[in-house]
Amino acid sequence: PGKEREFVAAVAAIGRSGASTYYRDSVK
C-alpha cells in the first residue's frame, strides 16, 4: 500500500539456450 509496483523476478521466453532469468538484488 502506498508504494509503486516493483519488479521481483522474471523468466524469458524459451530461447536457444533455454529461458534466462533475472532477479532484483534483494531476492537473489
PDB file of all heavy atoms in Angstrom:
ATOM      1  N   PRO A   1       0.819  -1.217   0.000  1.00  0.00           N
ATOM      2  CA  PRO A   1       0.000   0.000   0.000  1.00  0.00           C
ATOM      3  C   PRO A   1       0.850   1.262   0.000  1.00  0.00           C
ATOM      4  O   PRO A   1       1.801   1.394   0.773  1.00  0.00           O
ATOM      5  CB  PRO A   1      -0.800  -0.137   1.296  1.00  0.00           C
ATOM      6  CG  PRO A   1      -0.884  -1.592   1.525  1.00  0.00           C
ATOM      7  CD  PRO A   1       0.425  -2.145   1.064  1.00  0.00           C
ATOM      8  N   GLY A   2       0.511   2.176  -0.884  1.00  0.00           N
ATOM      9  CA  GLY A   2       1.194   3.454  -0.934  1.00  0.00           C
ATOM     10  C   GLY A   2       2.490   3.454  -1.708  1.00  0.00           C
ATOM     11  O   GLY A   2       3.149   4.501  -1.815  1.00  0.00           O
ATOM     12  N   LYS A   3       2.863   2.302  -2.237  1.00  0.00           N
ATOM     13  CA  LYS A   3       4.119   2.209  -2.990  1.00  0.00           C
ATOM     14  C   LYS A   3       3.845   1.739  -4.418  1.00  0.00           C
ATOM     15  O   LYS A   3       2.835   1.108  -4.699  1.00  0.00           O
ATOM     16  CB  LYS A   3       5.089   1.257  -2.306  1.00  0.00           C
ATOM     17  CG  LYS A   3       5.594   1.747  -0.963  1.00  0.00           C
ATOM     18  CD  LYS A   3       6.689   0.843  -0.426  1.00  0.00           C
ATOM     19  CE  LYS A   3       7.232   1.352   0.885  1.00  0.00           C
ATOM     20  NZ  LYS A   3       8.321   0.486   1.414  1.00  0.00           N
ATOM     21  N   GLU A   4       4.783   2.050  -5.282  1.00  0.00           N
ATOM     22  CA  GLU A   4       4.660   1.601  -6.658  1.00  0.00           C
ATOM     23  C   GLU A   4       4.978   0.110  -6.764  1.00  0.00           C
ATOM     24  O   GLU A   4       5.697  -0.452  -5.943  1.00  0.00           O
ATOM     25  CB  GLU A   4       5.618   2.403  -7.553  1.00  0.00           C
ATOM     26  CG  GLU A   4       5.241   3.866  -7.706  1.00  0.00           C
ATOM     27  CD  GLU A   4       6.085   4.579  -8.742  1.00  0.00           C
ATOM     28  OE1 GLU A   4       6.999   3.939  -9.298  1.00  0.00           O
ATOM     29  OE2 GLU A   4       5.821   5.762  -8.997  1.00  0.00           O
ATOM     30  N   ARG A   5       4.413  -0.473  -7.801  1.00  0.00           N
ATOM     31  CA  ARG A   5       4.706  -1.873  -8.064  1.00  0.00           C
ATOM     32  C   ARG A   5       6.188  -2.015  -8.425  1.00  0.00           C
ATOM     33  O   ARG A   5       6.720  -1.219  -9.199  1.00  0.00           O
ATOM     34  CB  ARG A   5       3.828  -2.373  -9.214  1.00  0.00           C
ATOM     35  CG  ARG A   5       3.863  -3.858  -9.452  1.00  0.00           C
ATOM     36  CD  ARG A   5       2.841  -4.255 -10.501  1.00  0.00           C
ATOM     37  NE  ARG A   5       1.475  -3.969 -10.083  1.00  0.00           N
ATOM     38  CZ  ARG A   5       0.396  -4.343 -10.765  1.00  0.00           C
ATOM     39  NH1 ARG A   5       0.531  -5.016 -11.894  1.00  0.00           N
ATOM     40  NH2 ARG A   5      -0.801  -4.035 -10.316  1.00  0.00           N
ATOM     41  N   GLU A   6       6.847  -3.009  -7.854  1.00  0.00           N
ATOM     42  CA  GLU A   6       8.268  -3.191  -8.120  1.00  0.00           C
ATOM     43  C   GLU A   6       8.550  -4.573  -8.691  1.00  0.00           C
ATOM     44  O   GLU A   6       7.876  -5.557  -8.346  1.00  0.00           O
ATOM     45  CB  GLU A   6       9.102  -2.984  -6.845  1.00  0.00           C
ATOM     46  CG  GLU A   6       8.860  -3.990  -5.746  1.00  0.00           C
ATOM     47  CD  GLU A   6       9.744  -3.739  -4.526  1.00  0.00           C
ATOM     48  OE1 GLU A   6      10.272  -2.623  -4.377  1.00  0.00           O
ATOM     49  OE2 GLU A   6       9.907  -4.684  -3.724  1.00  0.00           O
ATOM     50  N   PHE A   7       9.554  -4.609  -9.518  1.00  0.00           N
ATOM     51  CA  PHE A   7       9.964  -5.860 -10.142  1.00  0.00           C
ATOM     52  C   PHE A   7      10.589  -6.797  -9.114  1.00  0.00           C
ATOM     53  O   PHE A   7      11.333  -6.361  -8.230  1.00  0.00           O
ATOM     54  CB  PHE A   7      10.984  -5.557 -11.243  1.00  0.00           C
ATOM     55  CG  PHE A   7      11.628  -6.764 -11.837  1.00  0.00           C
ATOM     56  CD1 PHE A   7      10.985  -7.509 -12.812  1.00  0.00           C
ATOM     57  CD2 PHE A   7      12.885  -7.167 -11.412  1.00  0.00           C
ATOM     58  CE1 PHE A   7      11.593  -8.626 -13.360  1.00  0.00           C
ATOM     59  CE2 PHE A   7      13.498  -8.285 -11.953  1.00  0.00           C
ATOM     60  CZ  PHE A   7      12.841  -9.016 -12.929  1.00  0.00           C
ATOM     61  N   VAL A   8      10.298  -8.083  -9.238  1.00  0.00           N
ATOM     62  CA  VAL A   8      10.879  -9.082  -8.334  1.00  0.00           C
ATOM     63  C   VAL A   8      11.770 -10.053  -9.112  1.00  0.00           C
ATOM     64  O   VAL A   8      12.937 -10.228  -8.804  1.00  0.00           O
ATOM     65  CB  VAL A   8       9.785  -9.869  -7.598  1.00  0.00           C
ATOM     66  CG1 VAL A   8      10.404 -10.960  -6.725  1.00  0.00           C
ATOM     67  CG2 VAL A   8       8.926  -8.940  -6.756  1.00  0.00           C
ATOM     68  N   ALA A   9      11.203 -10.683 -10.111  1.00  0.00           N
ATOM     69  CA  ALA A   9      11.940 -11.701 -10.880  1.00  0.00           C
ATOM     70  C   ALA A   9      11.206 -11.948 -12.184  1.00  0.00           C
ATOM     71  O   ALA A   9      10.014 -11.658 -12.295  1.00  0.00           O
ATOM     72  CB  ALA A   9      12.057 -13.002 -10.090  1.00  0.00           C
ATOM     73  N   ALA A  10      11.930 -12.481 -13.148  1.00  0.00           N
ATOM     74  CA  ALA A  10      11.303 -12.790 -14.429  1.00  0.00           C
ATOM     75  C   ALA A  10      12.034 -13.918 -15.117  1.00  0.00           C
ATOM     76  O   ALA A  10      13.225 -14.143 -14.876  1.00  0.00           O
ATOM     77  CB  ALA A  10      11.270 -11.560 -15.325  1.00  0.00           C
ATOM     78  N   VAL A  11      11.318 -14.597 -15.975  1.00  0.00           N
ATOM     79  CA  VAL A  11      11.896 -15.648 -16.808  1.00  0.00           C
ATOM     80  C   VAL A  11      11.547 -15.323 -18.255  1.00  0.00           C
ATOM     81  O   VAL A  11      10.401 -14.987 -18.575  1.00  0.00           O
ATOM     82  CB  VAL A  11      11.381 -17.047 -16.388  1.00  0.00           C
ATOM     83  CG1 VAL A  11       9.870 -17.146 -16.445  1.00  0.00           C
ATOM     84  CG2 VAL A  11      12.037 -18.132 -17.220  1.00  0.00           C
ATOM     85  N   ALA A  12      12.555 -15.391 -19.100  1.00  0.00           N
ATOM     86  CA  ALA A  12      12.362 -15.068 -20.507  1.00  0.00           C
ATOM     87  C   ALA A  12      11.625 -16.182 -21.242  1.00  0.00           C
ATOM     88  O   ALA A  12      11.483 -17.298 -20.739  1.00  0.00           O
ATOM     89  CB  ALA A  12      13.722 -14.813 -21.153  1.00  0.00           C
ATOM     90  N   ALA A  13      11.192 -15.861 -22.448  1.00  0.00           N
ATOM     91  CA  ALA A  13      10.639 -16.883 -23.326  1.00  0.00           C
ATOM     92  C   ALA A  13      11.735 -17.889 -23.660  1.00  0.00           C
ATOM     93  O   ALA A  13      12.931 -17.588 -23.527  1.00  0.00           O
ATOM     94  CB  ALA A  13      10.104 -16.238 -24.598  1.00  0.00           C
ATOM     95  N   ILE A  14      11.331 -19.042 -24.081  1.00  0.00           N
ATOM     96  CA  ILE A  14      12.308 -20.085 -24.378  1.00  0.00           C
ATOM     97  C   ILE A  14      13.155 -19.669 -25.581  1.00  0.00           C
ATOM     98  O   ILE A  14      12.622 -19.327 -26.635  1.00  0.00           O
ATOM     99  CB  ILE A  14      11.609 -21.420 -24.665  1.00  0.00           C
ATOM    100  CG1 ILE A  14      10.905 -21.917 -23.399  1.00  0.00           C
ATOM    101  CG2 ILE A  14      12.607 -22.448 -25.169  1.00  0.00           C
ATOM    102  CD1 ILE A  14      11.816 -22.314 -22.288  1.00  0.00           C
ATOM    103  N   GLY A  15      14.466 -19.690 -25.408  1.00  0.00           N
ATOM    104  CA  GLY A  15      15.389 -19.381 -26.490  1.00  0.00           C
ATOM    105  C   GLY A  15      16.274 -20.569 -26.794  1.00  0.00           C
ATOM    106  O   GLY A  15      16.045 -21.664 -26.310  1.00  0.00           O
ATOM    107  N   ARG A  16      17.330 -20.321 -27.560  1.00  0.00           N
ATOM    108  CA  ARG A  16      18.217 -21.411 -27.963  1.00  0.00           C
ATOM    109  C   ARG A  16      18.899 -22.062 -26.777  1.00  0.00           C
ATOM    110  O   ARG A  16      19.174 -23.247 -26.763  1.00  0.00           O
ATOM    111  CB  ARG A  16      19.266 -20.892 -28.937  1.00  0.00           C
ATOM    112  CG  ARG A  16      18.705 -20.456 -30.273  1.00  0.00           C
ATOM    113  CD  ARG A  16      19.794 -19.940 -31.187  1.00  0.00           C
ATOM    114  NE  ARG A  16      19.276 -19.519 -32.483  1.00  0.00           N
ATOM    115  CZ  ARG A  16      20.017 -19.005 -33.441  1.00  0.00           C
ATOM    116  NH1 ARG A  16      21.319 -18.846 -33.258  1.00  0.00           N
ATOM    117  NH2 ARG A  16      19.472 -18.635 -34.586  1.00  0.00           N
ATOM    118  N   SER A  17      19.172 -21.270 -25.755  1.00  0.00           N
ATOM    119  CA  SER A  17      19.875 -21.808 -24.581  1.00  0.00           C
ATOM    120  C   SER A  17      18.955 -21.891 -23.378  1.00  0.00           C
ATOM    121  O   SER A  17      19.389 -21.762 -22.245  1.00  0.00           O
ATOM    122  CB  SER A  17      21.095 -20.944 -24.268  1.00  0.00           C
ATOM    123  OG  SER A  17      20.707 -19.614 -24.079  1.00  0.00           O
ATOM    124  N   GLY A  18      17.674 -22.093 -23.630  1.00  0.00           N
ATOM    125  CA  GLY A  18      16.741 -22.189 -22.519  1.00  0.00           C
ATOM    126  C   GLY A  18      16.116 -20.843 -22.208  1.00  0.00           C
ATOM    127  O   GLY A  18      16.101 -19.943 -23.042  1.00  0.00           O
ATOM    128  N   ALA A  19      15.601 -20.688 -21.029  1.00  0.00           N
ATOM    129  CA  ALA A  19      14.932 -19.458 -20.625  1.00  0.00           C
ATOM    130  C   ALA A  19      15.746 -18.768 -19.547  1.00  0.00           C
ATOM    131  O   ALA A  19      15.900 -19.306 -18.456  1.00  0.00           O
ATOM    132  CB  ALA A  19      13.536 -19.759 -20.128  1.00  0.00           C
ATOM    133  N   SER A  20      16.256 -17.593 -19.861  1.00  0.00           N
ATOM    134  CA  SER A  20      17.067 -16.885 -18.884  1.00  0.00           C
ATOM    135  C   SER A  20      16.185 -16.286 -17.797  1.00  0.00           C
ATOM    136  O   SER A  20      14.979 -16.087 -17.984  1.00  0.00           O
ATOM    137  CB  SER A  20      17.883 -15.794 -19.565  1.00  0.00           C
ATOM    138  OG  SER A  20      17.037 -14.776 -20.069  1.00  0.00           O
ATOM    139  N   THR A  21      16.800 -15.983 -16.678  1.00  0.00           N
ATOM    140  CA  THR A  21      16.080 -15.404 -15.546  1.00  0.00           C
ATOM    141  C   THR A  21      16.780 -14.137 -15.086  1.00  0.00           C
ATOM    142  O   THR A  21      17.952 -13.894 -15.401  1.00  0.00           O
ATOM    143  CB  THR A  21      15.998 -16.392 -14.375  1.00  0.00           C
ATOM    144  OG1 THR A  21      17.339 -16.778 -14.002  1.00  0.00           O
ATOM    145  CG2 THR A  21      15.220 -17.633 -14.756  1.00  0.00           C
ATOM    146  N   TYR A  22      16.048 -13.350 -14.319  1.00  0.00           N
ATOM    147  CA  TYR A  22      16.605 -12.101 -13.790  1.00  0.00           C
ATOM    148  C   TYR A  22      15.893 -11.790 -12.487  1.00  0.00           C
ATOM    149  O   TYR A  22      14.691 -12.035 -12.357  1.00  0.00           O
ATOM    150  CB  TYR A  22      16.393 -10.977 -14.804  1.00  0.00           C
ATOM    151  CG  TYR A  22      17.263  -9.773 -14.557  1.00  0.00           C
ATOM    152  CD1 TYR A  22      18.570  -9.752 -14.997  1.00  0.00           C
ATOM    153  CD2 TYR A  22      16.780  -8.659 -13.877  1.00  0.00           C
ATOM    154  CE1 TYR A  22      19.393  -8.659 -14.774  1.00  0.00           C
ATOM    155  CE2 TYR A  22      17.581  -7.570 -13.649  1.00  0.00           C
ATOM    156  CZ  TYR A  22      18.889  -7.569 -14.101  1.00  0.00           C
ATOM    157  OH  TYR A  22      19.694  -6.484 -13.878  1.00  0.00           O
ATOM    158  N   TYR A  23      16.649 -11.260 -11.515  1.00  0.00           N
ATOM    159  CA  TYR A  23      16.113 -11.002 -10.175  1.00  0.00           C
ATOM    160  C   TYR A  23      16.499  -9.613  -9.688  1.00  0.00           C
ATOM    161  O   TYR A  23      17.559  -9.090 -10.036  1.00  0.00           O
ATOM    162  CB  TYR A  23      16.678 -12.024  -9.180  1.00  0.00           C
ATOM    163  CG  TYR A  23      16.387 -13.464  -9.527  1.00  0.00           C
ATOM    164  CD1 TYR A  23      17.254 -14.204 -10.338  1.00  0.00           C
ATOM    165  CD2 TYR A  23      15.244 -14.095  -9.037  1.00  0.00           C
ATOM    166  CE1 TYR A  23      16.978 -15.526 -10.660  1.00  0.00           C
ATOM    167  CE2 TYR A  23      14.971 -15.422  -9.343  1.00  0.00           C
ATOM    168  CZ  TYR A  23      15.836 -16.122 -10.160  1.00  0.00           C
ATOM    169  OH  TYR A  23      15.563 -17.434 -10.466  1.00  0.00           O
ATOM    170  N   ARG A  24      15.645  -9.077  -8.839  1.00  0.00           N
ATOM    171  CA  ARG A  24      16.075  -7.878  -8.123  1.00  0.00           C
ATOM    172  C   ARG A  24      17.088  -8.316  -7.084  1.00  0.00           C
ATOM    173  O   ARG A  24      17.069  -9.455  -6.602  1.00  0.00           O
ATOM    174  CB  ARG A  24      14.893  -7.150  -7.483  1.00  0.00           C
ATOM    175  CG  ARG A  24      14.279  -7.821  -6.292  1.00  0.00           C
ATOM    176  CD  ARG A  24      13.116  -6.995  -5.728  1.00  0.00           C
ATOM    177  NE  ARG A  24      13.555  -5.714  -5.191  1.00  0.00           N
ATOM    178  CZ  ARG A  24      13.289  -4.536  -5.763  1.00  0.00           C
ATOM    179  NH1 ARG A  24      12.582  -4.500  -6.890  1.00  0.00           N
ATOM    180  NH2 ARG A  24      13.702  -3.417  -5.221  1.00  0.00           N
ATOM    181  N   ASP A  25      17.975  -7.387  -6.725  1.00  0.00           N
ATOM    182  CA  ASP A  25      19.091  -7.743  -5.859  1.00  0.00           C
ATOM    183  C   ASP A  25      18.635  -8.319  -4.523  1.00  0.00           C
ATOM    184  O   ASP A  25      19.250  -9.254  -3.999  1.00  0.00           O
ATOM    185  CB  ASP A  25      19.973  -6.517  -5.612  1.00  0.00           C
ATOM    186  CG  ASP A  25      20.795  -6.149  -6.835  1.00  0.00           C
ATOM    187  OD1 ASP A  25      20.916  -6.986  -7.761  1.00  0.00           O
ATOM    188  OD2 ASP A  25      21.315  -5.018  -6.867  1.00  0.00           O
ATOM    189  N   SER A  26      17.582  -7.778  -3.952  1.00  0.00           N
ATOM    190  CA  SER A  26      17.185  -8.173  -2.597  1.00  0.00           C
ATOM    191  C   SER A  26      16.635  -9.597  -2.513  1.00  0.00           C
ATOM    192  O   SER A  26      16.478 -10.131  -1.419  1.00  0.00           O
ATOM    193  CB  SER A  26      16.149  -7.195  -2.035  1.00  0.00           C
ATOM    194  OG  SER A  26      14.975  -7.219  -2.811  1.00  0.00           O
ATOM    195  N   VAL A  27      16.343 -10.225  -3.656  1.00  0.00           N
ATOM    196  CA  VAL A  27      15.808 -11.593  -3.607  1.00  0.00           C
ATOM    197  C   VAL A  27      16.777 -12.609  -4.204  1.00  0.00           C
ATOM    198  O   VAL A  27      16.506 -13.811  -4.165  1.00  0.00           O
ATOM    199  CB  VAL A  27      14.439 -11.696  -4.308  1.00  0.00           C
ATOM    200  CG1 VAL A  27      13.475 -10.671  -3.748  1.00  0.00           C
ATOM    201  CG2 VAL A  27      14.566 -11.589  -5.814  1.00  0.00           C
ATOM    202  N   LYS A  28      17.892 -12.125  -4.734  1.00  0.00           N
ATOM    203  CA  LYS A  28      18.880 -13.051  -5.313  1.00  0.00           C
ATOM    204  C   LYS A  28      19.369 -14.021  -4.249  1.00  0.00           C
ATOM    205  O   LYS A  28      19.682 -13.633  -3.131  1.00  0.00           O
ATOM    206  CB  LYS A  28      20.059 -12.278  -5.890  1.00  0.00           C
ATOM    207  CG  LYS A  28      19.755 -11.581  -7.199  1.00  0.00           C
ATOM    208  CD  LYS A  28      20.976 -10.831  -7.703  1.00  0.00           C
ATOM    209  CE  LYS A  28      20.677 -10.098  -8.995  1.00  0.00           C
ATOM    210  NZ  LYS A  28      21.835  -9.315  -9.473  1.00  0.00           N
TER     211      LYS A  28
END
